[in-house]
Amino acid sequence: MTQPITATAIQERVALYVTRTKKDRQYIAEQMDMPISTFYTKLNGPSEFSFSEGKRLAEIIGCTVDEMFIRPS
């Protein structure tokens, strides 16, 4: 069963990617051409990812944009 859209869902997708690939959040930020501090601010709030940033994040972590907003089971 899927969970509702939450920032936690994105955080969990990123954490799952980090665990599976052994690549860290710094790597993701670099791939997004974004300072790590900005990445953390967007990942943890109060700022949000733009649609294009969300799409790029989904590509990096290997899921669809839709999947990124559903907590992994």
C-alpha atoms as a PDB file:
ATOM      1  CA  MET A   1       0.000   0.000   0.000  1.00  0.00           C
ATOM      2  CA  THR A   2       1.380   3.439  -0.884  1.00  0.00           C
ATOM      3  CA  GLN A   3       1.597   6.397   1.457  1.00  0.00           C
ATOM      4  CA  PRO A   4       0.489   9.961   0.703  1.00  0.00           C
ATOM      5  CA  ILE A   5       2.852  12.516  -0.803  1.00  0.00           C
ATOM      6  CA  THR A   6       5.237  13.847   1.835  1.00  0.00           C
ATOM      7  CA  ALA A   7       8.687  15.388   2.048  1.00  0.00           C
ATOM      8  CA  THR A   8       9.568  12.287   4.034  1.00  0.00           C
ATOM      9  CA  ALA A   9       8.891  10.192   0.934  1.00  0.00           C
ATOM     10  CA  ILE A  10      11.585  12.080  -0.985  1.00  0.00           C
ATOM     11  CA  GLN A  11      13.986  11.815   1.960  1.00  0.00           C
ATOM     12  CA  GLU A  12      13.394   8.064   2.139  1.00  0.00           C
ATOM     13  CA  ARG A  13      13.957   7.624  -1.613  1.00  0.00           C
ATOM     14  CA  VAL A  14      17.247   9.513  -1.331  1.00  0.00           C
ATOM     15  CA  ALA A  15      18.271   7.457   1.728  1.00  0.00           C
ATOM     16  CA  LEU A  16      17.440   4.228  -0.105  1.00  0.00           C
ATOM     17  CA  TYR A  17      19.555   5.336  -3.082  1.00  0.00           C
ATOM     18  CA  VAL A  18      22.467   6.222  -0.780  1.00  0.00           C
ATOM     19  CA  THR A  19      22.242   2.853   0.952  1.00  0.00           C
ATOM     20  CA  ARG A  20      22.035   0.860  -2.287  1.00  0.00           C
ATOM     21  CA  THR A  21      24.730   2.696  -4.215  1.00  0.00           C
ATOM     22  CA  LYS A  22      27.071   3.796  -1.408  1.00  0.00           C
ATOM     23  CA  LYS A  23      27.036   7.261  -3.001  1.00  0.00           C
ATOM     24  CA  ASP A  24      26.392  10.115  -0.609  1.00  0.00           C
ATOM     25  CA  ARG A  25      24.148  13.167  -0.695  1.00  0.00           C
ATOM     26  CA  GLN A  26      27.136  15.282  -1.750  1.00  0.00           C
ATOM     27  CA  TYR A  27      27.335  13.171  -4.925  1.00  0.00           C
ATOM     28  CA  ILE A  28      23.640  13.791  -5.625  1.00  0.00           C
ATOM     29  CA  ALA A  29      24.056  17.536  -5.065  1.00  0.00           C
ATOM     30  CA  GLU A  30      27.028  17.597  -7.421  1.00  0.00           C
ATOM     31  CA  GLN A  31      25.065  15.716 -10.091  1.00  0.00           C
ATOM     32  CA  MET A  32      22.311  18.314  -9.721  1.00  0.00           C
ATOM     33  CA  ASP A  33      24.878  21.134  -9.993  1.00  0.00           C
ATOM     34  CA  MET A  34      23.665  22.406  -6.627  1.00  0.00           C
ATOM     35  CA  PRO A  35      25.560  23.355  -3.462  1.00  0.00           C
ATOM     36  CA  ILE A  36      25.147  20.712  -0.761  1.00  0.00           C
ATOM     37  CA  SER A  37      23.630  23.312   1.584  1.00  0.00           C
ATOM     38  CA  THR A  38      20.928  24.099  -0.989  1.00  0.00           C
ATOM     39  CA  PHE A  39      20.270  20.400  -1.545  1.00  0.00           C
ATOM     40  CA  TYR A  40      19.817  19.840   2.205  1.00  0.00           C
ATOM     41  CA  THR A  41      17.546  22.888   2.490  1.00  0.00           C
ATOM     42  CA  LYS A  42      15.347  21.570  -0.305  1.00  0.00           C
ATOM     43  CA  LEU A  43      15.441  17.998   0.968  1.00  0.00           C
ATOM     44  CA  ASN A  44      14.557  18.918   4.546  1.00  0.00           C
ATOM     45  CA  GLY A  45      12.550  22.130   3.980  1.00  0.00           C
ATOM     46  CA  PRO A  46      11.670  24.955   4.084  1.00  0.00           C
ATOM     47  CA  SER A  47      12.554  25.328   0.373  1.00  0.00           C
ATOM     48  CA  GLU A  48      11.152  22.976  -2.257  1.00  0.00           C
ATOM     49  CA  PHE A  49      12.594  21.417  -5.378  1.00  0.00           C
ATOM     50  CA  SER A  50      11.402  22.964  -8.623  1.00  0.00           C
ATOM     51  CA  PHE A  51       9.781  20.584 -11.105  1.00  0.00           C
ATOM     52  CA  SER A  52      12.965  20.439 -13.195  1.00  0.00           C
ATOM     53  CA  GLU A  53      15.051  19.773 -10.069  1.00  0.00           C
ATOM     54  CA  GLY A  54      12.621  17.056  -8.987  1.00  0.00           C
ATOM     55  CA  LYS A  55      12.805  15.484 -12.421  1.00  0.00           C
ATOM     56  CA  ARG A  56      16.613  15.539 -12.321  1.00  0.00           C
ATOM     57  CA  LEU A  57      16.643  14.091  -8.787  1.00  0.00           C
ATOM     58  CA  ALA A  58      14.372  11.257  -9.925  1.00  0.00           C
ATOM     59  CA  GLU A  59      16.718  10.510 -12.836  1.00  0.00           C
ATOM     60  CA  ILE A  60      19.737  10.417 -10.524  1.00  0.00           C
ATOM     61  CA  ILE A  61      18.172   8.125  -7.933  1.00  0.00           C
ATOM     62  CA  GLY A  62      16.587   5.870 -10.535  1.00  0.00           C
ATOM     63  CA  CYS A  63      12.867   6.358 -10.139  1.00  0.00           C
ATOM     64  CA  THR A  64      10.072   8.229 -11.842  1.00  0.00           C
ATOM     65  CA  VAL A  65       8.885  11.605 -10.611  1.00  0.00           C
ATOM     66  CA  ASP A  66       5.661   9.926  -9.486  1.00  0.00           C
ATOM     67  CA  GLU A  67       7.532   7.252  -7.537  1.00  0.00           C
ATOM     68  CA  MET A  68       9.625   9.860  -5.783  1.00  0.00           C
ATOM     69  CA  PHE A  69       6.548  11.130  -3.974  1.00  0.00           C
ATOM     70  CA  ILE A  70       5.465   7.711  -2.732  1.00  0.00           C
ATOM     71  CA  ARG A  71       7.206   6.316   0.330  1.00  0.00           C
ATOM     72  CA  PRO A  72       9.081   3.116  -0.556  1.00  0.00           C
ATOM     73  CA  SER A  73       7.587   0.037   1.075  1.00  0.00           C
END
